[in-house]
Amino acid sequence: MLKPYSLIVVLLVLSLSAMGAEHSVGAGKDDWWVSYPEDNTNAGGSVNHPEWVLNALKDKPVLIFVHLNCDYCAPQKEAVDSVMQDYAGDVTFFDLSGDSDARAADVLVYDPDGGKALVPLTVVVTLVNDNGDVRVGWHSSEDITGEDWIRSYLDDAIDLYNENRDGWAGA
């Protein structure tokens, strides 16, 4: 038998999970982007997604982490590695060395401001509904974001992917 406060907690959790994605589709700082965001030098322009990212997206959302083996990247590497222990089966993960993996240069298309800074670059790619059309949506950061940021976008990515995968022409 549920106690009254237990029922309240259950109802609160159910109502929060039914609210949908935490981040909306748009051009703002925290949005899912379908074109370059407002702070990007190519704002509003189309993104030429790497083919290997689109191929991976056919199965599940994608997390890409580009980094160097350096003290500056270390905290984000630790956060990504920790998060991936919980999300490994739910997303395709690319852990790319900026020193030795040629795909790291491809990921520059996801630089949030359009610059040429490469590391640490954390990118989440999923499928979103953009005014009735299912499109590739992405969000990225060059900052040390920590686990909460990564989890927030991965939770959204998984939910959005599951909602939209059947309507994606690229599948």
Protein backbone atom coordinates (compact mmCIF):
# COMPACT_ATOMS: atom_id res chain seq x y z
CA MET A 1 0.00 0.00 0.00
CA LEU A 2 1.37 3.38 -0.98
CA LYS A 3 1.62 6.02 1.65
CA PRO A 4 0.17 9.44 0.67
CA TYR A 5 3.59 11.04 0.21
CA SER A 6 4.72 8.09 -1.95
CA LEU A 7 1.75 8.60 -4.24
CA ILE A 8 2.60 12.30 -4.56
CA VAL A 9 6.19 11.46 -5.51
CA VAL A 10 5.01 8.92 -8.11
CA LEU A 11 2.55 11.41 -9.62
CA LEU A 12 5.21 14.13 -9.71
CA VAL A 13 7.70 11.87 -11.49
CA LEU A 14 5.07 10.76 -14.01
CA SER A 15 3.99 14.33 -14.74
CA LEU A 16 7.58 15.48 -15.20
CA SER A 17 8.39 12.62 -17.56
CA ALA A 18 5.32 13.45 -19.65
CA MET A 19 6.45 17.04 -20.16
CA GLY A 20 8.72 16.12 -23.08
CA ALA A 21 12.15 17.35 -23.95
CA GLU A 22 13.93 19.73 -21.63
CA HIS A 23 15.51 21.58 -24.56
CA SER A 24 13.49 22.84 -27.51
CA VAL A 25 14.39 23.13 -31.19
CA GLY A 26 15.66 26.60 -32.05
CA ALA A 27 18.74 28.75 -32.52
CA GLY A 28 19.34 29.76 -28.88
CA LYS A 29 22.17 28.85 -26.57
CA ASP A 30 20.43 25.83 -24.98
CA ASP A 31 18.33 24.66 -27.95
CA TRP A 32 18.60 21.67 -30.21
CA TRP A 33 19.95 23.09 -33.47
CA VAL A 34 18.92 22.01 -36.97
CA SER A 35 20.99 24.78 -38.55
CA TYR A 36 23.85 26.82 -37.15
CA PRO A 37 22.84 28.61 -33.93
CA GLU A 38 22.63 32.36 -33.43
CA ASP A 39 26.13 32.66 -31.92
CA ASN A 40 27.75 30.83 -34.84
CA THR A 41 29.54 32.72 -37.63
CA ASN A 42 27.31 30.76 -40.06
CA ALA A 43 24.08 31.43 -38.11
CA GLY A 44 21.04 29.97 -39.87
CA GLY A 45 23.15 28.10 -42.43
CA SER A 46 22.86 24.41 -43.18
CA VAL A 47 25.10 21.87 -41.50
CA ASN A 48 26.89 19.29 -43.63
CA HIS A 49 26.73 16.34 -41.21
CA PRO A 50 29.56 13.84 -41.66
CA GLU A 51 28.36 10.62 -43.30
CA TRP A 52 29.72 8.48 -40.44
CA VAL A 53 27.56 10.46 -37.98
CA LEU A 54 24.43 10.02 -40.12
CA ASN A 55 25.16 6.29 -40.46
CA ALA A 56 25.47 5.94 -36.67
CA LEU A 57 22.27 7.94 -36.20
CA LYS A 58 20.33 5.24 -38.06
CA ASP A 59 20.57 3.10 -34.91
CA LYS A 60 20.47 5.53 -31.96
CA PRO A 61 21.48 9.00 -30.80
CA VAL A 62 25.16 9.91 -31.04
CA LEU A 63 27.62 11.37 -28.54
CA ILE A 64 30.92 12.63 -29.93
CA PHE A 65 33.74 13.74 -27.67
CA VAL A 66 36.87 15.27 -29.23
CA HIS A 67 39.76 15.89 -26.87
CA LEU A 68 43.49 15.89 -26.38
CA ASN A 69 45.38 14.06 -23.69
CA CYS A 70 45.82 17.26 -21.67
CA ASP A 71 45.01 18.74 -18.29
CA TYR A 72 42.41 21.10 -19.76
CA CYS A 73 40.40 18.26 -21.35
CA ALA A 74 40.78 15.88 -18.40
CA PRO A 75 37.71 17.01 -16.38
CA GLN A 76 35.39 16.71 -19.39
CA LYS A 77 36.91 13.34 -20.33
CA GLU A 78 36.23 12.13 -16.79
CA ALA A 79 32.62 13.39 -16.96
CA VAL A 80 31.99 11.80 -20.37
CA ASP A 81 33.51 8.48 -19.30
CA SER A 82 31.41 8.46 -16.13
CA VAL A 83 28.18 9.23 -18.00
CA MET A 84 28.88 6.62 -20.66
CA GLN A 85 28.91 3.93 -17.98
CA ASP A 86 25.16 4.55 -17.67
CA TYR A 87 24.29 5.33 -21.32
CA ALA A 88 26.50 2.90 -23.27
CA GLY A 89 23.60 0.85 -24.65
CA ASP A 90 21.44 3.86 -25.45
CA VAL A 91 23.79 6.00 -27.58
CA THR A 92 26.58 5.47 -30.07
CA PHE A 93 29.73 6.98 -28.60
CA PHE A 94 32.74 8.30 -30.50
CA ASP A 95 35.74 9.11 -28.29
CA LEU A 96 38.05 10.95 -30.71
CA SER A 97 41.59 12.07 -30.10
CA GLY A 98 42.20 15.47 -31.66
CA ASP A 99 45.81 14.37 -32.19
CA SER A 100 45.32 11.14 -34.07
CA ASP A 101 41.74 10.54 -35.27
CA ALA A 102 41.02 12.05 -38.70
CA ARG A 103 37.30 12.20 -37.87
CA ALA A 104 38.06 14.90 -35.27
CA ALA A 105 38.43 17.43 -38.10
CA ASP A 106 34.98 16.40 -39.44
CA VAL A 107 33.46 17.33 -36.08
CA LEU A 108 34.41 21.00 -36.55
CA VAL A 109 31.06 21.37 -38.32
CA TYR A 110 29.55 21.14 -34.82
CA ASP A 111 31.65 23.93 -33.29
CA PRO A 112 28.96 26.02 -31.55
CA ASP A 113 30.45 29.41 -32.48
CA GLY A 114 31.94 28.49 -35.86
CA GLY A 115 35.51 28.94 -34.72
CA LYS A 116 38.31 26.49 -35.13
CA ALA A 117 38.68 25.52 -31.48
CA LEU A 118 38.57 21.78 -31.30
CA VAL A 119 38.92 20.59 -27.74
CA PRO A 120 37.23 19.67 -25.64
CA LEU A 121 34.25 19.47 -27.96
CA THR A 122 31.22 17.51 -26.77
CA VAL A 123 28.47 16.94 -29.35
CA VAL A 124 25.09 15.23 -29.00
CA VAL A 125 23.20 14.37 -32.21
CA THR A 126 19.62 13.10 -32.38
CA LEU A 127 16.40 13.35 -34.39
CA VAL A 128 14.02 16.24 -33.70
CA ASN A 129 10.66 17.41 -34.93
CA ASP A 130 11.14 20.79 -36.59
CA ASN A 131 7.70 22.19 -37.46
CA GLY A 132 6.40 18.79 -38.55
CA ASP A 133 9.59 17.62 -40.28
CA VAL A 134 11.92 15.10 -38.67
CA ARG A 135 15.45 16.44 -38.96
CA VAL A 136 18.87 15.88 -37.51
CA GLY A 137 19.24 17.99 -34.39
CA TRP A 138 22.44 18.60 -32.49
CA HIS A 139 23.90 20.49 -29.59
CA SER A 140 27.52 21.04 -28.66
CA SER A 141 29.85 22.72 -26.23
CA GLU A 142 33.55 23.54 -26.13
CA ASP A 143 33.40 24.03 -22.39
CA ILE A 144 33.93 21.77 -19.43
CA THR A 145 30.23 21.03 -18.95
CA GLY A 146 30.27 18.28 -16.36
CA GLU A 147 28.00 15.28 -16.00
CA ASP A 148 24.68 17.09 -15.45
CA TRP A 149 24.89 18.90 -18.80
CA ILE A 150 25.81 15.71 -20.63
CA ARG A 151 23.04 13.71 -18.95
CA SER A 152 20.48 16.43 -19.67
CA TYR A 153 21.19 16.39 -23.40
CA LEU A 154 21.51 12.61 -23.60
CA ASP A 155 18.17 12.12 -21.83
CA ASP A 156 16.58 14.51 -24.31
CA ALA A 157 18.40 12.91 -27.24
CA ILE A 158 17.13 9.44 -26.37
CA ASP A 159 13.53 10.63 -25.85
CA LEU A 160 13.53 12.71 -29.05
CA TYR A 161 15.12 9.93 -31.06
CA ASN A 162 12.49 7.43 -29.92
CA GLU A 163 9.70 9.89 -30.74
CA ASN A 164 11.03 10.75 -34.21
CA ARG A 165 12.99 7.82 -35.66
CA ASP A 166 10.06 6.38 -37.60
CA GLY A 167 9.57 9.68 -39.43
CA TRP A 168 13.19 10.19 -40.49
CA ALA A 169 13.86 9.83 -44.21
CA GLY A 170 17.56 9.08 -43.51
CA ALA A 171 16.81 5.79 -41.76
